[in-house]
C-alpha cells in the first residue's frame, strides 16, 4: 500500500481531521483540510466552483498529501479521488459520531477555539432545532444514512477502482491500524 495520497471521508465528528493530522505527521504528508478551504472569514462558504478550483490548486502544490472532508456536492471527490492512492472511510456507528460531535462542539464553543480563517463556533448556530437544514446534529444523522448509499456507489465506479479502500467501523480498528504504521524518520528524510 502506497499511502502517499490519502483521502479521508466520513461523517462530522468521525475523526477525519484528527486522523489526517496523525497520518501527515507519521508519513510526512501535507495535510489539506477541506473545511479550511471552504469556510472563509465570517463563515462565508466558497462557491462550489471555487471550492473545486481551490482543492485542485492545493493538490497540485504537492505530491504527498492527505485530505479530510467529503464535499460531494462541490464535486471535489472527483478531483481528490482521481489523484489519491488510498481512501479511508471512517464509518463509525451513529451514536459514537453524535457523542464525539457533541463533545467537540461543546469544547469549541466554550474555549472559543479558532477554526478556519478566524471563525469560531457558536452554540446557537448548531442548536437551531426549528431549522433542520442548519442543525449540525440533524445533518450528521442525515449524512450517516446518505453515506451508506453514496460512498459504495462512488467507490464501485470504474474511475475509482484504483483506490485502496480502508473502511473503519470502530475507533479500535482505526487505532490498531495506526499502531501498525511506521513512524516518520526525520533523519532519513533530511537532505544529504
Protein backbone atom coordinates (compact mmCIF):
# COMPACT_ATOMS: atom_id res chain seq x y z
CA UNK A 1 0.00 0.00 0.00
CA UNK A 2 1.46 3.34 -1.09
CA UNK A 3 -0.09 5.78 1.43
CA UNK A 4 1.27 8.86 -0.32
CA UNK A 5 -2.02 10.44 -1.43
CA UNK A 6 -4.81 9.71 1.03
CA UNK A 7 -8.43 10.89 1.04
CA UNK A 8 -10.30 10.56 4.34
CA UNK A 9 -14.09 10.68 4.26
CA UNK A 10 -16.82 10.15 6.82
CA UNK A 11 -19.36 11.89 8.96
CA UNK A 12 -18.85 15.02 11.04
CA UNK A 13 -17.26 14.02 14.32
CA UNK A 14 -15.84 10.74 12.97
CA UNK A 15 -12.26 11.95 13.42
CA UNK A 16 -11.26 12.77 9.84
CA UNK A 17 -9.12 15.77 10.75
CA UNK A 18 -7.52 14.07 13.74
CA UNK A 19 -6.59 11.06 11.62
CA UNK A 20 -5.35 13.27 8.78
CA UNK A 21 -3.08 15.20 11.15
CA UNK A 22 -1.73 11.97 12.59
CA UNK A 23 -1.05 10.50 9.15
CA UNK A 24 0.53 13.73 7.97
CA UNK A 25 2.91 13.68 10.91
CA UNK A 26 3.67 9.93 10.74
CA UNK A 27 4.12 9.71 6.98
CA UNK A 28 5.40 13.17 6.09
CA UNK A 29 2.29 14.15 4.14
CA UNK A 30 0.91 17.65 3.58
CA UNK A 31 -2.44 17.90 5.38
CA UNK A 32 -5.12 19.61 3.29
CA UNK A 33 -8.13 20.39 5.46
CA UNK A 34 -11.17 20.80 3.22
CA UNK A 35 -13.14 22.82 5.79
CA UNK A 36 -10.25 25.28 5.94
CA UNK A 37 -10.55 25.83 2.20
CA UNK A 38 -14.34 26.01 2.14
CA UNK A 39 -15.12 28.25 5.13
CA UNK A 40 -13.87 31.76 4.58
CA UNK A 41 -13.99 34.58 7.16
CA UNK A 42 -17.36 35.11 8.90
CA UNK A 43 -18.44 31.56 7.92
CA UNK A 44 -18.75 32.60 4.29
CA UNK A 45 -18.70 29.47 2.12
CA UNK A 46 -16.90 29.31 -1.19
CA UNK A 47 -18.96 28.64 -4.27
CA UNK A 48 -18.78 25.01 -5.41
CA UNK A 49 -16.71 26.06 -8.43
CA UNK A 50 -14.24 28.00 -6.28
CA UNK A 51 -14.02 25.10 -3.83
CA UNK A 52 -13.24 22.64 -6.60
CA UNK A 53 -10.58 25.00 -8.00
CA UNK A 54 -9.09 25.53 -4.53
CA UNK A 55 -8.81 21.79 -3.92
CA UNK A 56 -7.25 21.30 -7.36
CA UNK A 57 -4.69 24.01 -6.61
CA UNK A 58 -3.87 22.61 -3.15
CA UNK A 59 -3.29 19.12 -4.54
CA UNK A 60 -1.21 20.42 -7.44
CA UNK A 61 1.22 22.01 -4.99
CA UNK A 62 2.48 18.70 -3.54
CA UNK A 63 2.97 15.04 -4.41
CA UNK A 64 2.37 13.58 -0.93
CA UNK A 65 -0.81 14.63 0.82
CA UNK A 66 -3.76 13.66 2.99
CA UNK A 67 -7.16 15.34 2.71
CA UNK A 68 -10.05 15.24 5.13
CA UNK A 69 -13.60 16.00 4.12
CA UNK A 70 -16.37 14.96 1.80
CA UNK A 71 -17.76 17.97 -0.11
CA UNK A 72 -19.56 15.71 -2.55
CA UNK A 73 -21.84 18.48 -3.83
CA UNK A 74 -18.80 20.51 -4.82
CA UNK A 75 -17.53 17.63 -6.95
CA UNK A 76 -14.25 17.67 -5.08
CA UNK A 77 -14.30 13.89 -4.69
CA UNK A 78 -13.63 13.64 -8.43
CA UNK A 79 -10.58 15.89 -8.08
CA UNK A 80 -9.28 14.22 -4.91
CA UNK A 81 -10.19 10.59 -5.54
CA UNK A 82 -8.76 10.57 -9.08
CA UNK A 83 -5.34 11.50 -7.66
CA UNK A 84 -5.48 9.53 -4.40
CA UNK A 85 -3.96 6.09 -3.96
CA UNK A 86 -5.86 5.33 -0.74
CA UNK A 87 -9.32 6.21 0.55
CA UNK A 88 -10.13 5.86 4.23
CA UNK A 89 -13.83 5.79 5.11
CA UNK A 90 -14.44 6.42 8.80
CA UNK A 91 -17.79 4.65 9.10
CA UNK A 92 -18.25 4.77 12.85
CA UNK A 93 -21.61 3.96 14.49
CA UNK A 94 -24.03 6.89 14.60
CA UNK A 95 -24.18 7.03 18.40
CA UNK A 96 -20.37 7.26 18.57
CA UNK A 97 -20.23 10.04 16.00
CA UNK A 98 -23.03 12.02 17.65
CA UNK A 99 -21.34 11.80 21.05
CA UNK A 100 -17.99 12.87 19.59
CA UNK A 101 -19.65 15.70 17.68
CA UNK A 102 -21.40 16.94 20.82
CA UNK A 103 -18.17 16.79 22.85
CA UNK A 104 -16.13 18.50 20.12
CA UNK A 105 -18.70 21.22 19.54
CA UNK A 106 -19.08 21.97 23.26
CA UNK A 107 -15.30 22.23 23.64
CA UNK A 108 -15.00 24.56 20.67
CA UNK A 109 -17.88 26.76 21.82
CA UNK A 110 -16.69 27.15 25.39
CA UNK A 111 -12.99 27.62 24.59
CA UNK A 112 -13.76 29.92 21.62
CA UNK A 113 -11.26 27.88 19.63
CA UNK A 114 -10.45 29.48 16.29
CA UNK A 115 -11.09 27.07 13.45
CA UNK A 116 -10.51 28.40 9.94
CA UNK A 117 -9.97 31.92 8.74
CA UNK A 118 -10.86 33.47 12.09
CA UNK A 119 -14.13 31.55 12.53
CA UNK A 120 -15.30 30.26 15.90
CA UNK A 121 -18.30 28.08 16.66
CA UNK A 122 -21.39 29.41 18.42
CA UNK A 123 -23.87 27.21 20.23
CA UNK A 124 -26.86 28.96 18.70
CA UNK A 125 -25.66 28.07 15.22
CA UNK A 126 -25.82 24.33 15.98
CA UNK A 127 -28.99 24.14 18.01
CA UNK A 128 -31.42 25.58 15.50
CA UNK A 129 -33.99 22.88 16.03
CA UNK A 130 -36.51 24.90 14.06
CA UNK A 131 -34.23 24.88 11.00
CA UNK A 132 -33.38 21.25 10.19
CA UNK A 133 -31.14 22.23 7.28
CA UNK A 134 -28.75 24.15 9.54
CA UNK A 135 -28.76 21.95 12.62
CA UNK A 136 -25.38 20.21 12.84
CA UNK A 137 -26.75 17.15 14.61
CA UNK A 138 -29.62 16.66 12.17
CA UNK A 139 -27.15 16.99 9.30
CA UNK A 140 -24.96 14.37 10.97
CA UNK A 141 -27.84 11.86 11.16
CA UNK A 142 -28.83 12.51 7.55
CA UNK A 143 -25.24 12.19 6.35
CA UNK A 144 -24.78 8.89 8.18
CA UNK A 145 -27.53 7.22 6.15
CA UNK A 146 -26.69 9.06 2.93
CA UNK A 147 -23.05 7.93 3.08
CA UNK A 148 -24.14 4.27 3.23
CA UNK A 149 -25.77 4.73 -0.17
CA UNK A 150 -23.48 7.26 -1.84
CA UNK A 151 -19.98 6.04 -0.92
CA UNK A 152 -20.43 2.41 -2.07
CA UNK A 153 -21.85 3.64 -5.39
CA UNK A 154 -18.99 6.09 -5.89
CA UNK A 155 -16.38 3.52 -4.92
CA UNK A 156 -17.85 1.00 -7.36
CA UNK A 157 -17.50 3.46 -10.25
CA UNK A 158 -14.77 2.46 -12.76
CA UNK A 159 -12.97 5.79 -12.18
CA UNK A 160 -12.28 4.76 -8.58
CA UNK A 161 -11.14 1.14 -8.91
CA UNK A 162 -7.51 2.22 -8.46
CA UNK A 163 -8.15 3.22 -4.84
CA UNK A 164 -7.15 1.05 -1.93
CA UNK A 165 -10.21 1.43 0.31
CA UNK A 166 -9.93 1.12 4.08
CA UNK A 167 -13.31 1.20 5.81
CA UNK A 168 -13.08 1.51 9.58
CA UNK A 169 -16.21 0.83 11.62
CA UNK A 170 -14.79 1.46 15.09
CA UNK A 171 -12.25 3.63 16.87
CA UNK A 172 -10.40 0.45 17.87
CA UNK A 173 -9.99 -0.52 14.20
CA UNK A 174 -8.51 2.91 13.44
CA UNK A 175 -6.18 2.79 16.45
CA UNK A 176 -4.97 -0.73 15.64
CA UNK A 177 -4.28 0.20 12.03
CA UNK A 178 -2.41 3.35 13.08
CA UNK A 179 -0.33 1.37 15.58
CA UNK A 180 0.91 -0.82 12.72
CA UNK A 181 2.16 2.09 10.62
CA UNK A 182 5.80 3.09 10.71
CA UNK A 183 6.76 6.34 12.39
CA UNK A 184 8.26 9.04 10.20
CA UNK A 185 12.03 9.08 10.38
CA UNK A 186 13.06 12.71 10.01
CA UNK A 187 16.74 11.74 9.80
CA UNK A 188 16.04 9.60 6.75
CA UNK A 189 14.13 12.47 5.16
CA UNK A 190 16.82 15.11 5.76
CA UNK A 191 18.67 16.39 2.68
CA UNK A 192 22.11 14.97 2.14
